[in-house]
């Protein structure tokens, strides 16, 4: 059931990408948060996230991405032109491969960005793009190895991810993410921006427009820890049928363990009969 819902989310992302509204480009002069869509995900797919952040008091804009760019540079320039209409110190929330596009923004557009938040961005590439037109995003390709550190050029960079996606373990994100890492409740790259639990987590992370953003000096990235890695997590054990079975087995173990560890009742020491004192003969 969980996988079926995830497939529906992907289908809706793809459908919204081909809707006419995706190509509409709005003026972002009054926006303080800009959402960068991911691979084959349309602008309307992020409407739920936008409305939640609007309710916090933010002014949110959703950027458009080219459907069939002639080159990667053309796709990036299309994003840059939209970011340049925003005020200085804007926050970018880049989903999925949107975070990879942002890495190679021209300097003029990059200087507009005070805070870069990425949601499930595959900073070490993905097998999904191998042998495709986007092969530069392939797993551990030369492109991602060369460009992923560009995220450190932003004053505040915070990579956020679901635990089963291409993500930063806490040790690595301390080095690469300037001391902040966040794991989302429900795994799945598209679920990061659609599920209520994940949106609530992001809302709590962002705070409100009145909250000041503390920018800490970035530690020097240790190459040993800065390279993002893929985490493999087996979520099958959380399926309802398997989970109930495991819970029953755990309950049985607890009961049997409790019987073994129950201390035996201490028996009262048997008092030895006092020896009768022999009467002294006179």
Protein backbone atom coordinates (compact mmCIF):
# COMPACT_ATOMS: atom_id res chain seq x y z
CA UNK A 1 0.00 0.00 0.00
CA UNK A 2 2.82 2.36 0.91
CA UNK A 3 4.58 1.77 -2.41
CA UNK A 4 1.33 2.24 -4.35
CA UNK A 5 0.82 5.67 -2.78
CA UNK A 6 4.42 6.56 -3.58
CA UNK A 7 3.88 5.63 -7.24
CA UNK A 8 0.78 7.85 -7.33
CA UNK A 9 2.87 10.72 -5.95
CA UNK A 10 5.40 10.22 -8.74
CA UNK A 11 2.66 10.12 -11.36
CA UNK A 12 1.17 13.37 -10.04
CA UNK A 13 4.63 15.00 -10.08
CA UNK A 14 5.10 14.00 -13.72
CA UNK A 15 1.59 15.08 -14.71
CA UNK A 16 1.98 18.51 -13.12
CA UNK A 17 5.28 18.91 -14.98
CA UNK A 18 3.37 18.84 -18.29
CA UNK A 19 0.56 21.15 -17.17
CA UNK A 20 0.58 24.62 -18.79
CA UNK A 21 0.93 26.23 -15.33
CA UNK A 22 4.43 24.80 -14.98
CA UNK A 23 5.86 27.14 -17.62
CA UNK A 24 4.36 30.26 -16.03
CA UNK A 25 7.14 32.47 -14.60
CA UNK A 26 6.13 34.94 -11.88
CA UNK A 27 7.97 37.97 -10.56
CA UNK A 28 9.69 37.15 -7.27
CA UNK A 29 10.48 40.68 -6.11
CA UNK A 30 8.56 40.30 -2.82
CA UNK A 31 9.44 36.64 -2.09
CA UNK A 32 11.70 35.44 0.72
CA UNK A 33 11.53 31.71 -0.09
CA UNK A 34 11.90 30.18 -3.54
CA UNK A 35 11.20 26.49 -4.24
CA UNK A 36 13.25 24.81 -6.96
CA UNK A 37 11.39 21.76 -8.38
CA UNK A 38 13.08 18.41 -8.82
CA UNK A 39 13.41 16.14 -11.84
CA UNK A 40 10.14 15.95 -13.85
CA UNK A 41 8.13 17.61 -11.07
CA UNK A 42 5.84 20.52 -11.95
CA UNK A 43 5.24 23.75 -10.05
CA UNK A 44 1.72 22.78 -8.96
CA UNK A 45 3.14 19.67 -7.28
CA UNK A 46 4.59 21.96 -4.57
CA UNK A 47 1.39 23.88 -3.89
CA UNK A 48 0.77 22.08 -0.57
CA UNK A 49 4.27 22.95 0.67
CA UNK A 50 3.83 26.55 -0.49
CA UNK A 51 0.49 27.02 1.27
CA UNK A 52 1.92 25.63 4.53
CA UNK A 53 4.85 28.04 4.42
CA UNK A 54 2.56 30.93 3.44
CA UNK A 55 0.56 30.24 6.58
CA UNK A 56 3.70 30.75 8.65
CA UNK A 57 4.07 34.24 7.22
CA UNK A 58 6.62 33.55 4.50
CA UNK A 59 6.21 34.80 0.95
CA UNK A 60 6.88 31.78 -1.22
CA UNK A 61 7.48 31.50 -4.93
CA UNK A 62 7.82 28.33 -7.00
CA UNK A 63 10.27 28.47 -9.88
CA UNK A 64 9.73 26.78 -13.22
CA UNK A 65 12.20 24.48 -14.94
CA UNK A 66 12.66 23.90 -18.66
CA UNK A 67 11.02 20.76 -20.04
CA UNK A 68 13.55 20.03 -22.76
CA UNK A 69 16.60 22.29 -22.39
CA UNK A 70 19.23 22.18 -25.11
CA UNK A 71 21.94 22.07 -22.47
CA UNK A 72 22.47 22.07 -18.72
CA UNK A 73 23.68 25.66 -18.93
CA UNK A 74 20.38 26.74 -20.52
CA UNK A 75 18.41 25.07 -17.70
CA UNK A 76 20.55 26.78 -15.05
CA UNK A 77 20.29 30.18 -16.74
CA UNK A 78 16.49 29.82 -16.79
CA UNK A 79 16.56 29.37 -13.00
CA UNK A 80 19.04 32.21 -12.54
CA UNK A 81 16.84 34.69 -14.42
CA UNK A 82 14.00 33.96 -11.99
CA UNK A 83 16.20 34.19 -8.89
CA UNK A 84 17.57 37.57 -10.00
CA UNK A 85 14.06 39.05 -9.66
CA UNK A 86 14.03 38.16 -5.93
CA UNK A 87 15.38 40.40 -3.16
CA UNK A 88 18.78 39.78 -1.57
CA UNK A 89 19.14 37.15 1.16
CA UNK A 90 16.45 34.88 -0.23
CA UNK A 91 16.10 31.26 0.95
CA UNK A 92 16.17 28.51 -1.68
CA UNK A 93 14.43 25.19 -0.99
CA UNK A 94 15.69 22.86 -3.71
CA UNK A 95 14.03 19.46 -4.09
CA UNK A 96 15.77 16.42 -5.56
CA UNK A 97 17.86 17.33 -8.64
CA UNK A 98 16.89 20.97 -8.21
CA UNK A 99 19.69 21.04 -5.65
CA UNK A 100 22.17 19.92 -8.32
CA UNK A 101 21.09 22.69 -10.70
CA UNK A 102 21.54 25.28 -7.96
CA UNK A 103 25.16 24.19 -7.43
CA UNK A 104 26.24 25.78 -10.73
CA UNK A 105 24.27 29.02 -10.59
CA UNK A 106 26.10 32.06 -11.96
CA UNK A 107 27.73 34.16 -9.23
CA UNK A 108 25.26 37.04 -9.66
CA UNK A 109 22.30 34.76 -8.85
CA UNK A 110 24.16 32.82 -6.15
CA UNK A 111 24.89 36.04 -4.22
CA UNK A 112 21.14 36.58 -3.88
CA UNK A 113 20.86 33.38 -1.83
CA UNK A 114 21.54 33.52 1.91
CA UNK A 115 20.28 30.05 2.76
CA UNK A 116 20.21 26.89 0.66
CA UNK A 117 18.06 23.99 1.89
CA UNK A 118 18.10 20.81 -0.15
CA UNK A 119 15.50 18.06 0.17
CA UNK A 120 16.75 14.62 -0.84
CA UNK A 121 19.28 15.93 -3.36
CA UNK A 122 21.52 13.10 -4.66
CA UNK A 123 24.85 14.88 -4.15
CA UNK A 124 26.77 11.77 -5.15
CA UNK A 125 24.58 11.15 -8.21
CA UNK A 126 22.05 8.46 -8.99
CA UNK A 127 22.03 5.28 -11.07
CA UNK A 128 18.75 6.52 -12.51
CA UNK A 129 20.63 8.97 -14.75
CA UNK A 130 23.31 6.58 -16.00
CA UNK A 131 23.18 6.12 -19.79
CA UNK A 132 20.61 8.91 -20.20
CA UNK A 133 20.76 12.50 -21.43
CA UNK A 134 21.42 13.47 -17.81
CA UNK A 135 24.35 11.07 -17.46
CA UNK A 136 26.38 13.87 -15.82
CA UNK A 137 24.18 13.19 -12.75
CA UNK A 138 25.03 9.48 -12.79
CA UNK A 139 26.22 7.79 -9.61
CA UNK A 140 29.67 9.13 -8.64
CA UNK A 141 30.10 10.76 -12.02
CA UNK A 142 32.89 13.26 -12.56
CA UNK A 143 30.30 16.04 -12.66
CA UNK A 144 28.92 15.41 -9.17
CA UNK A 145 32.40 14.81 -7.74
CA UNK A 146 33.53 18.15 -9.14
CA UNK A 147 30.48 20.26 -8.30
CA UNK A 148 28.88 18.96 -5.09
CA UNK A 149 31.22 21.01 -2.87
CA UNK A 150 29.92 24.20 -4.52
CA UNK A 151 27.12 24.10 -1.94
CA UNK A 152 29.65 25.39 0.60
CA UNK A 153 29.78 28.70 -1.29
CA UNK A 154 26.35 29.58 0.09
CA UNK A 155 26.40 31.40 3.46
CA UNK A 156 24.16 28.74 5.02
CA UNK A 157 23.81 25.29 3.50
CA UNK A 158 21.54 22.67 5.08
CA UNK A 159 21.12 19.28 3.35
CA UNK A 160 17.92 17.60 4.55
CA UNK A 161 16.84 14.13 3.52
CA UNK A 162 14.80 11.05 4.22
CA UNK A 163 16.93 8.34 5.76
CA UNK A 164 16.61 5.85 2.87
CA UNK A 165 17.51 8.38 0.19
CA UNK A 166 20.92 9.57 -0.92
CA UNK A 167 21.71 11.40 2.24
CA UNK A 168 24.26 12.57 4.74
CA UNK A 169 24.82 10.48 7.84
CA UNK A 170 25.09 12.74 10.93
CA UNK A 171 28.88 12.49 11.01
CA UNK A 172 29.24 13.59 7.41
CA UNK A 173 26.56 16.29 7.57
CA UNK A 174 28.32 17.86 10.54
CA UNK A 175 31.24 18.47 8.22
CA UNK A 176 29.43 19.18 4.99
CA UNK A 177 26.17 20.69 6.25
CA UNK A 178 27.59 23.23 8.70
CA UNK A 179 26.54 21.37 11.80
CA UNK A 180 22.90 20.66 11.00
CA UNK A 181 21.23 17.53 9.70
CA UNK A 182 17.59 16.50 9.59
CA UNK A 183 15.89 13.21 8.81
CA UNK A 184 12.29 13.15 7.62
CA UNK A 185 9.63 10.88 9.10
CA UNK A 186 8.38 9.22 5.92
CA UNK A 187 10.97 7.95 3.40
CA UNK A 188 10.70 8.49 -0.33
CA UNK A 189 12.06 11.42 -2.32
CA UNK A 190 8.69 12.69 -3.52
CA UNK A 191 7.18 12.25 -0.05
CA UNK A 192 9.50 14.95 1.27
CA UNK A 193 7.30 17.70 -0.14
CA UNK A 194 3.83 16.10 -0.06
CA UNK A 195 3.33 14.17 3.19
CA UNK A 196 1.91 16.17 6.08
CA UNK A 197 4.39 14.71 8.59
CA UNK A 198 7.36 15.79 6.50
CA UNK A 199 5.91 19.24 5.81
CA UNK A 200 5.36 19.71 9.54
CA UNK A 201 9.00 18.78 10.17
CA UNK A 202 10.16 21.32 7.59
CA UNK A 203 7.92 24.00 9.10
CA UNK A 204 9.44 23.44 12.52
CA UNK A 205 12.90 23.56 11.00
CA UNK A 206 12.29 26.87 9.21
CA UNK A 207 10.61 28.57 12.15
CA UNK A 208 8.91 31.84 11.20
CA UNK A 209 10.05 34.91 9.23
CA UNK A 210 10.66 36.70 12.55
CA UNK A 211 13.24 34.13 13.68
CA UNK A 212 16.82 35.18 13.01
CA UNK A 213 18.97 32.81 10.98
CA UNK A 214 22.21 32.04 12.78
CA UNK A 215 25.08 31.50 10.38
CA UNK A 216 27.96 29.63 11.97
CA UNK A 217 31.40 29.58 10.51
CA UNK A 218 31.75 26.48 8.42
CA UNK A 219 34.31 23.95 9.67
CA UNK A 220 36.98 22.90 7.25
CA UNK A 221 35.58 19.93 5.40
CA UNK A 222 37.55 16.78 6.06
CA UNK A 223 37.61 14.85 2.75
CA UNK A 224 37.16 11.62 4.69
CA UNK A 225 33.83 12.80 6.13
CA UNK A 226 32.66 15.31 3.53
CA UNK A 227 31.98 12.78 0.78
CA UNK A 228 28.26 11.95 0.87
CA UNK A 229 27.37 8.29 1.10
CA UNK A 230 24.33 6.20 0.40
CA UNK A 231 22.52 4.64 3.35
CA UNK A 232 20.78 1.34 2.80
CA UNK A 233 17.89 0.81 5.20
CA UNK A 234 15.55 -2.17 5.12
CA UNK A 235 12.08 -0.72 5.71
CA UNK A 236 10.30 -4.03 5.07
CA UNK A 237 10.38 -4.78 8.79
CA UNK A 238 7.97 -1.89 9.30
CA UNK A 239 5.28 -3.37 7.07
CA UNK A 240 2.12 -3.91 9.20
CA UNK A 241 2.09 -7.73 8.95
CA UNK A 242 5.82 -8.07 9.66
CA UNK A 243 5.71 -5.44 12.39
CA UNK A 244 2.87 -7.21 14.25
CA UNK A 245 4.69 -10.53 13.98
CA UNK A 246 7.86 -9.01 15.38
CA UNK A 247 5.93 -7.38 18.21
CA UNK A 248 4.37 -10.73 19.18
CA UNK A 249 7.76 -12.43 19.15
CA UNK A 250 9.18 -9.62 21.25
CA UNK A 251 6.33 -9.95 23.75
CA UNK A 252 6.92 -13.71 24.04
CA UNK A 253 10.63 -13.15 24.62
CA UNK A 254 9.89 -10.60 27.32
CA UNK A 255 7.55 -12.99 29.10
CA UNK A 256 9.97 -15.90 28.95
CA UNK A 257 12.81 -13.64 30.04
CA UNK A 258 10.76 -12.33 32.92
CA UNK A 259 10.16 -15.86 34.19
CA UNK A 260 13.84 -16.69 34.08
CA UNK A 261 14.93 -13.52 35.82
CA UNK A 262 12.24 -13.55 38.52
CA UNK A 263 14.18 -13.83 41.77
CA UNK A 264 13.26 -16.85 43.87
CA UNK A 265 11.58 -16.14 47.16
CA UNK A 266 14.01 -16.23 49.98
CA UNK A 267 13.15 -19.00 52.39
CA UNK A 268 13.33 -18.14 56.02
CA UNK A 269 16.36 -19.72 57.67
CA UNK A 270 15.41 -22.68 59.80
CA UNK A 271 16.38 -21.94 63.33
CA UNK A 272 18.29 -24.72 64.92
CA UNK A 273 16.79 -25.96 68.19
CA UNK A 274 18.72 -24.60 71.04
CA UNK A 275 20.68 -27.22 72.87
CA UNK A 276 19.43 -27.72 76.39
CA UNK A 277 21.90 -26.73 78.94
CA UNK A 278 22.95 -29.61 81.11
CA UNK A 279 22.15 -29.07 84.70
CA UNK A 280 25.23 -28.91 86.80
CA UNK A 281 25.49 -31.64 89.33
CA UNK A 282 25.91 -30.43 92.81
